[in-house]
Amino acid sequence: METTIKISGMTCGHCEGKVSAELGKIAGVSEVKAIAAEGVAIVTSLETLNSEEVSRAVVTAGYRIVL
């Protein structure tokens, strides 16, 4: 399953790495591709992601989800 998450505040490769690392810690996530230029992270997972876990991971990385 692929989920696209809009994230504000990412500006560079370092930002992409932080977001990818935190989202990658969520159980069931197999791949994360954060794209700062587009302000998104594309997450591949085995099942539907828990929105609270996703939000916590993005905040832990230092960014915010755009609703």
PDB file of N, CA and C in Angstrom:
ATOM      1  N   MET A   1       0.842  -1.161   0.000  1.00  0.00           N
ATOM      2  CA  MET A   1       0.000   0.000   0.000  1.00  0.00           C
ATOM      3  C   MET A   1       0.895   1.234   0.000  1.00  0.00           C
ATOM      4  N   GLU A   2       0.536   2.228  -0.783  1.00  0.00           N
ATOM      5  CA  GLU A   2       1.327   3.451  -0.873  1.00  0.00           C
ATOM      6  C   GLU A   2       0.508   4.630  -0.363  1.00  0.00           C
ATOM      7  N   THR A   3       1.091   5.419   0.535  1.00  0.00           N
ATOM      8  CA  THR A   3       0.424   6.573   1.133  1.00  0.00           C
ATOM      9  C   THR A   3       1.295   7.799   0.923  1.00  0.00           C
ATOM     10  N   THR A   4       0.702   8.887   0.445  1.00  0.00           N
ATOM     11  CA  THR A   4       1.422  10.140   0.284  1.00  0.00           C
ATOM     12  C   THR A   4       1.022  11.075   1.414  1.00  0.00           C
ATOM     13  N   ILE A   5       2.030  11.591   2.112  1.00  0.00           N
ATOM     14  CA  ILE A   5       1.802  12.466   3.256  1.00  0.00           C
ATOM     15  C   ILE A   5       2.388  13.832   2.931  1.00  0.00           C
ATOM     16  N   LYS A   6       1.574  14.888   3.057  1.00  0.00           N
ATOM     17  CA  LYS A   6       2.069  16.248   2.828  1.00  0.00           C
ATOM     18  C   LYS A   6       2.708  16.740   4.124  1.00  0.00           C
ATOM     19  N   ILE A   7       3.929  17.262   4.001  1.00  0.00           N
ATOM     20  CA  ILE A   7       4.705  17.684   5.164  1.00  0.00           C
ATOM     21  C   ILE A   7       5.252  19.082   4.926  1.00  0.00           C
ATOM     22  N   SER A   8       5.091  19.958   5.918  1.00  0.00           N
ATOM     23  CA  SER A   8       5.636  21.314   5.781  1.00  0.00           C
ATOM     24  C   SER A   8       6.973  21.424   6.492  1.00  0.00           C
ATOM     25  N   GLY A   9       7.840  22.241   5.946  1.00  0.00           N
ATOM     26  CA  GLY A   9       9.112  22.547   6.580  1.00  0.00           C
ATOM     27  C   GLY A   9      10.331  21.849   6.012  1.00  0.00           C
ATOM     28  N   MET A  10      10.153  20.847   5.186  1.00  0.00           N
ATOM     29  CA  MET A  10      11.320  20.174   4.599  1.00  0.00           C
ATOM     30  C   MET A  10      11.924  21.068   3.519  1.00  0.00           C
ATOM     31  N   THR A  11      13.252  21.258   3.592  1.00  0.00           N
ATOM     32  CA  THR A  11      13.895  22.134   2.612  1.00  0.00           C
ATOM     33  C   THR A  11      15.109  21.517   1.930  1.00  0.00           C
ATOM     34  N   CYS A  12      15.587  20.362   2.438  1.00  0.00           N
ATOM     35  CA  CYS A  12      16.839  19.831   1.891  1.00  0.00           C
ATOM     36  C   CYS A  12      16.933  18.315   2.079  1.00  0.00           C
ATOM     37  N   GLY A  13      18.027  17.756   1.624  1.00  0.00           N
ATOM     38  CA  GLY A  13      18.261  16.321   1.745  1.00  0.00           C
ATOM     39  C   GLY A  13      18.346  15.861   3.191  1.00  0.00           C
ATOM     40  N   HIS A  14      18.898  16.703   4.053  1.00  0.00           N
ATOM     41  CA  HIS A  14      18.970  16.355   5.476  1.00  0.00           C
ATOM     42  C   HIS A  14      17.559  16.205   6.051  1.00  0.00           C
ATOM     43  N   CYS A  15      16.676  17.120   5.682  1.00  0.00           N
ATOM     44  CA  CYS A  15      15.270  17.058   6.115  1.00  0.00           C
ATOM     45  C   CYS A  15      14.626  15.755   5.633  1.00  0.00           C
ATOM     46  N   GLU A  16      14.860  15.426   4.380  1.00  0.00           N
ATOM     47  CA  GLU A  16      14.310  14.185   3.816  1.00  0.00           C
ATOM     48  C   GLU A  16      14.785  12.980   4.616  1.00  0.00           C
ATOM     49  N   GLY A  17      16.045  12.984   4.994  1.00  0.00           N
ATOM     50  CA  GLY A  17      16.607  11.875   5.750  1.00  0.00           C
ATOM     51  C   GLY A  17      15.979  11.733   7.122  1.00  0.00           C
ATOM     52  N   LYS A  18      15.766  12.863   7.809  1.00  0.00           N
ATOM     53  CA  LYS A  18      15.149  12.828   9.132  1.00  0.00           C
ATOM     54  C   LYS A  18      13.728  12.282   9.062  1.00  0.00           C
ATOM     55  N   VAL A  19      12.954  12.776   8.104  1.00  0.00           N
ATOM     56  CA  VAL A  19      11.571  12.320   7.953  1.00  0.00           C
ATOM     57  C   VAL A  19      11.538  10.839   7.575  1.00  0.00           C
ATOM     58  N   SER A  20      12.373  10.450   6.635  1.00  0.00           N
ATOM     59  CA  SER A  20      12.411   9.048   6.198  1.00  0.00           C
ATOM     60  C   SER A  20      12.790   8.119   7.342  1.00  0.00           C
ATOM     61  N   ALA A  21      13.760   8.530   8.154  1.00  0.00           N
ATOM     62  CA  ALA A  21      14.197   7.693   9.268  1.00  0.00           C
ATOM     63  C   ALA A  21      13.084   7.488  10.282  1.00  0.00           C
ATOM     64  N   GLU A  22      12.375   8.545  10.628  1.00  0.00           N
ATOM     65  CA  GLU A  22      11.305   8.426  11.628  1.00  0.00           C
ATOM     66  C   GLU A  22      10.121   7.634  11.098  1.00  0.00           C
ATOM     67  N   LEU A  23       9.705   7.914   9.866  1.00  0.00           N
ATOM     68  CA  LEU A  23       8.574   7.170   9.293  1.00  0.00           C
ATOM     69  C   LEU A  23       8.950   5.705   9.088  1.00  0.00           C
ATOM     70  N   GLY A  24      10.199   5.442   8.805  1.00  0.00           N
ATOM     71  CA  GLY A  24      10.669   4.080   8.593  1.00  0.00           C
ATOM     72  C   GLY A  24      10.634   3.222   9.839  1.00  0.00           C
ATOM     73  N   LYS A  25      10.523   3.849  11.003  1.00  0.00           N
ATOM     74  CA  LYS A  25      10.448   3.116  12.266  1.00  0.00           C
ATOM     75  C   LYS A  25       9.057   2.549  12.545  1.00  0.00           C
ATOM     76  N   ILE A  26       8.061   2.997  11.810  1.00  0.00           N
ATOM     77  CA  ILE A  26       6.690   2.527  12.030  1.00  0.00           C
ATOM     78  C   ILE A  26       6.575   1.077  11.563  1.00  0.00           C
ATOM     79  N   ALA A  27       5.986   0.244  12.408  1.00  0.00           N
ATOM     80  CA  ALA A  27       5.815  -1.180  12.081  1.00  0.00           C
ATOM     81  C   ALA A  27       5.051  -1.337  10.772  1.00  0.00           C
ATOM     82  N   GLY A  28       5.554  -2.203   9.903  1.00  0.00           N
ATOM     83  CA  GLY A  28       4.897  -2.486   8.633  1.00  0.00           C
ATOM     84  C   GLY A  28       5.357  -1.623   7.475  1.00  0.00           C
ATOM     85  N   VAL A  29       6.130  -0.571   7.761  1.00  0.00           N
ATOM     86  CA  VAL A  29       6.625   0.305   6.692  1.00  0.00           C
ATOM     87  C   VAL A  29       7.823  -0.359   6.034  1.00  0.00           C
ATOM     88  N   SER A  30       7.768  -0.475   4.715  1.00  0.00           N
ATOM     89  CA  SER A  30       8.861  -1.126   3.994  1.00  0.00           C
ATOM     90  C   SER A  30       9.743  -0.142   3.230  1.00  0.00           C
ATOM     91  N   GLU A  31       9.204   1.046   2.930  1.00  0.00           N
ATOM     92  CA  GLU A  31       9.980   2.028   2.172  1.00  0.00           C
ATOM     93  C   GLU A  31       9.408   3.422   2.406  1.00  0.00           C
ATOM     94  N   VAL A  32      10.294   4.408   2.467  1.00  0.00           N
ATOM     95  CA  VAL A  32       9.879   5.804   2.589  1.00  0.00           C
ATOM     96  C   VAL A  32      10.710   6.628   1.623  1.00  0.00           C
ATOM     97  N   LYS A  33      10.046   7.476   0.857  1.00  0.00           N
ATOM     98  CA  LYS A  33      10.748   8.400  -0.023  1.00  0.00           C
ATOM     99  C   LYS A  33      10.218   9.803   0.274  1.00  0.00           C
ATOM    100  N   ALA A  34      11.022  10.595   0.972  1.00  0.00           N
ATOM    101  CA  ALA A  34      10.660  11.977   1.265  1.00  0.00           C
ATOM    102  C   ALA A  34      11.219  12.866   0.161  1.00  0.00           C
ATOM    103  N   ILE A  35      10.407  13.815  -0.299  1.00  0.00           N
ATOM    104  CA  ILE A  35      10.808  14.710  -1.386  1.00  0.00           C
ATOM    105  C   ILE A  35      10.592  16.145  -0.911  1.00  0.00           C
ATOM    106  N   ALA A  36      11.663  16.793  -0.470  1.00  0.00           N
ATOM    107  CA  ALA A  36      11.570  18.143   0.092  1.00  0.00           C
ATOM    108  C   ALA A  36      10.991  19.141  -0.910  1.00  0.00           C
ATOM    109  N   ALA A  37      11.409  19.062  -2.161  1.00  0.00           N
ATOM    110  CA  ALA A  37      10.956  20.018  -3.177  1.00  0.00           C
ATOM    111  C   ALA A  37       9.445  19.986  -3.380  1.00  0.00           C
ATOM    112  N   GLU A  38       8.832  18.840  -3.111  1.00  0.00           N
ATOM    113  CA  GLU A  38       7.376  18.691  -3.273  1.00  0.00           C
ATOM    114  C   GLU A  38       6.644  18.735  -1.940  1.00  0.00           C
ATOM    115  N   GLY A  39       7.389  18.683  -0.838  1.00  0.00           N
ATOM    116  CA  GLY A  39       6.774  18.713   0.484  1.00  0.00           C
ATOM    117  C   GLY A  39       5.957  17.468   0.779  1.00  0.00           C
ATOM    118  N   VAL A  40       6.453  16.316   0.348  1.00  0.00           N
ATOM    119  CA  VAL A  40       5.726  15.063   0.576  1.00  0.00           C
ATOM    120  C   VAL A  40       6.665  13.940   1.002  1.00  0.00           C
ATOM    121  N   ALA A  41       6.060  12.946   1.611  1.00  0.00           N
ATOM    122  CA  ALA A  41       6.735  11.679   1.864  1.00  0.00           C
ATOM    123  C   ALA A  41       5.823  10.594   1.321  1.00  0.00           C
ATOM    124  N   ILE A  42       6.379   9.694   0.550  1.00  0.00           N
ATOM    125  CA  ILE A  42       5.625   8.574  -0.006  1.00  0.00           C
ATOM    126  C   ILE A  42       6.043   7.338   0.777  1.00  0.00           C
ATOM    127  N   VAL A  43       5.063   6.752   1.466  1.00  0.00           N
ATOM    128  CA  VAL A  43       5.339   5.636   2.365  1.00  0.00           C
ATOM    129  C   VAL A  43       4.710   4.364   1.808  1.00  0.00           C
ATOM    130  N   THR A  44       5.513   3.325   1.682  1.00  0.00           N
ATOM    131  CA  THR A  44       5.024   2.014   1.257  1.00  0.00           C
ATOM    132  C   THR A  44       4.945   1.135   2.509  1.00  0.00           C
ATOM    133  N   SER A  45       3.770   0.541   2.719  1.00  0.00           N
ATOM    134  CA  SER A  45       3.566  -0.265   3.922  1.00  0.00           C
ATOM    135  C   SER A  45       2.713  -1.481   3.596  1.00  0.00           C
ATOM    136  N   LEU A  46       2.723  -2.429   4.518  1.00  0.00           N
ATOM    137  CA  LEU A  46       1.962  -3.657   4.341  1.00  0.00           C
ATOM    138  C   LEU A  46       0.470  -3.439   4.530  1.00  0.00           C
ATOM    139  N   GLU A  47       0.105  -2.439   5.344  1.00  0.00           N
ATOM    140  CA  GLU A  47      -1.304  -2.163   5.610  1.00  0.00           C
ATOM    141  C   GLU A  47      -1.498  -0.671   5.812  1.00  0.00           C
ATOM    142  N   THR A  48      -2.735  -0.269   6.032  1.00  0.00           N
ATOM    143  CA  THR A  48      -3.052   1.134   6.250  1.00  0.00           C
ATOM    144  C   THR A  48      -2.292   1.660   7.461  1.00  0.00           C
ATOM    145  N   LEU A  49      -1.718   2.843   7.314  1.00  0.00           N
ATOM    146  CA  LEU A  49      -0.943   3.442   8.397  1.00  0.00           C
ATOM    147  C   LEU A  49      -1.854   4.047   9.458  1.00  0.00           C
ATOM    148  N   ASN A  50      -1.414   3.984  10.700  1.00  0.00           N
ATOM    149  CA  ASN A  50      -2.117   4.608  11.810  1.00  0.00           C
ATOM    150  C   ASN A  50      -1.767   6.098  11.790  1.00  0.00           C
ATOM    151  N   SER A  51      -2.770   6.958  11.669  1.00  0.00           N
ATOM    152  CA  SER A  51      -2.515   8.392  11.516  1.00  0.00           C
ATOM    153  C   SER A  51      -1.806   8.992  12.730  1.00  0.00           C
ATOM    154  N   GLU A  52      -2.073   8.479  13.924  1.00  0.00           N
ATOM    155  CA  GLU A  52      -1.401   8.991  15.115  1.00  0.00           C
ATOM    156  C   GLU A  52       0.091   8.651  15.086  1.00  0.00           C
ATOM    157  N   GLU A  53       0.425   7.448  14.655  1.00  0.00           N
ATOM    158  CA  GLU A  53       1.834   7.052  14.554  1.00  0.00           C
ATOM    159  C   GLU A  53       2.560   7.890  13.511  1.00  0.00           C
ATOM    160  N   VAL A  54       1.903   8.130  12.396  1.00  0.00           N
ATOM    161  CA  VAL A  54       2.499   8.938  11.330  1.00  0.00           C
ATOM    162  C   VAL A  54       2.746  10.356  11.832  1.00  0.00           C
ATOM    163  N   SER A  55       1.741  10.931  12.468  1.00  0.00           N
ATOM    164  CA  SER A  55       1.867  12.284  12.993  1.00  0.00           C
ATOM    165  C   SER A  55       2.992  12.371  14.020  1.00  0.00           C
ATOM    166  N   ARG A  56       3.073  11.412  14.910  1.00  0.00           N
ATOM    167  CA  ARG A  56       4.119  11.385  15.935  1.00  0.00           C
ATOM    168  C   ARG A  56       5.507  11.315  15.291  1.00  0.00           C
ATOM    169  N   ALA A  57       5.642  10.488  14.266  1.00  0.00           N
ATOM    170  CA  ALA A  57       6.930  10.335  13.588  1.00  0.00           C
ATOM    171  C   ALA A  57       7.353  11.638  12.906  1.00  0.00           C
ATOM    172  N   VAL A  58       6.419  12.293  12.244  1.00  0.00           N
ATOM    173  CA  VAL A  58       6.737  13.544  11.542  1.00  0.00           C
ATOM    174  C   VAL A  58       7.110  14.635  12.544  1.00  0.00           C
ATOM    175  N   VAL A  59       6.368  14.732  13.648  1.00  0.00           N
ATOM    176  CA  VAL A  59       6.662  15.727  14.680  1.00  0.00           C
ATOM    177  C   VAL A  59       8.021  15.432  15.324  1.00  0.00           C
ATOM    178  N   THR A  60       8.306  14.163  15.579  1.00  0.00           N
ATOM    179  CA  THR A  60       9.591  13.786  16.158  1.00  0.00           C
ATOM    180  C   THR A  60      10.742  14.202  15.250  1.00  0.00           C
ATOM    181  N   ALA A  61      10.519  14.123  13.942  1.00  0.00           N
ATOM    182  CA  ALA A  61      11.544  14.535  12.983  1.00  0.00           C
ATOM    183  C   ALA A  61      11.697  16.052  12.931  1.00  0.00           C
ATOM    184  N   GLY A  62      10.701  16.771  13.490  1.00  0.00           N
ATOM    185  CA  GLY A  62      10.784  18.235  13.534  1.00  0.00           C
ATOM    186  C   GLY A  62       9.928  18.955  12.507  1.00  0.00           C
ATOM    187  N   TYR A  63       8.930  18.267  11.958  1.00  0.00           N
ATOM    188  CA  TYR A  63       8.110  18.850  10.901  1.00  0.00           C
ATOM    189  C   TYR A  63       6.625  18.695  11.226  1.00  0.00           C
ATOM    190  N   ARG A  64       5.762  19.177  10.323  1.00  0.00           N
ATOM    191  CA  ARG A  64       4.315  19.081  10.544  1.00  0.00           C
ATOM    192  C   ARG A  64       3.636  18.503   9.314  1.00  0.00           C
ATOM    193  N   ILE A  65       2.570  17.777   9.576  1.00  0.00           N
ATOM    194  CA  ILE A  65       1.749  17.257   8.489  1.00  0.00           C
ATOM    195  C   ILE A  65       0.797  18.361   8.042  1.00  0.00           C
ATOM    196  N   VAL A  66       0.625  18.496   6.747  1.00  0.00           N
ATOM    197  CA  VAL A  66      -0.316  19.452   6.175  1.00  0.00           C
ATOM    198  C   VAL A  66      -1.596  18.688   5.869  1.00  0.00           C
ATOM    199  N   LEU A  67      -2.690  19.155   6.442  1.00  0.00           N
ATOM    200  CA  LEU A  67      -3.975  18.470   6.230  1.00  0.00           C
ATOM    201  C   LEU A  67      -4.666  18.946   4.997  1.00  0.00           C
TER     202      LEU A  67
END
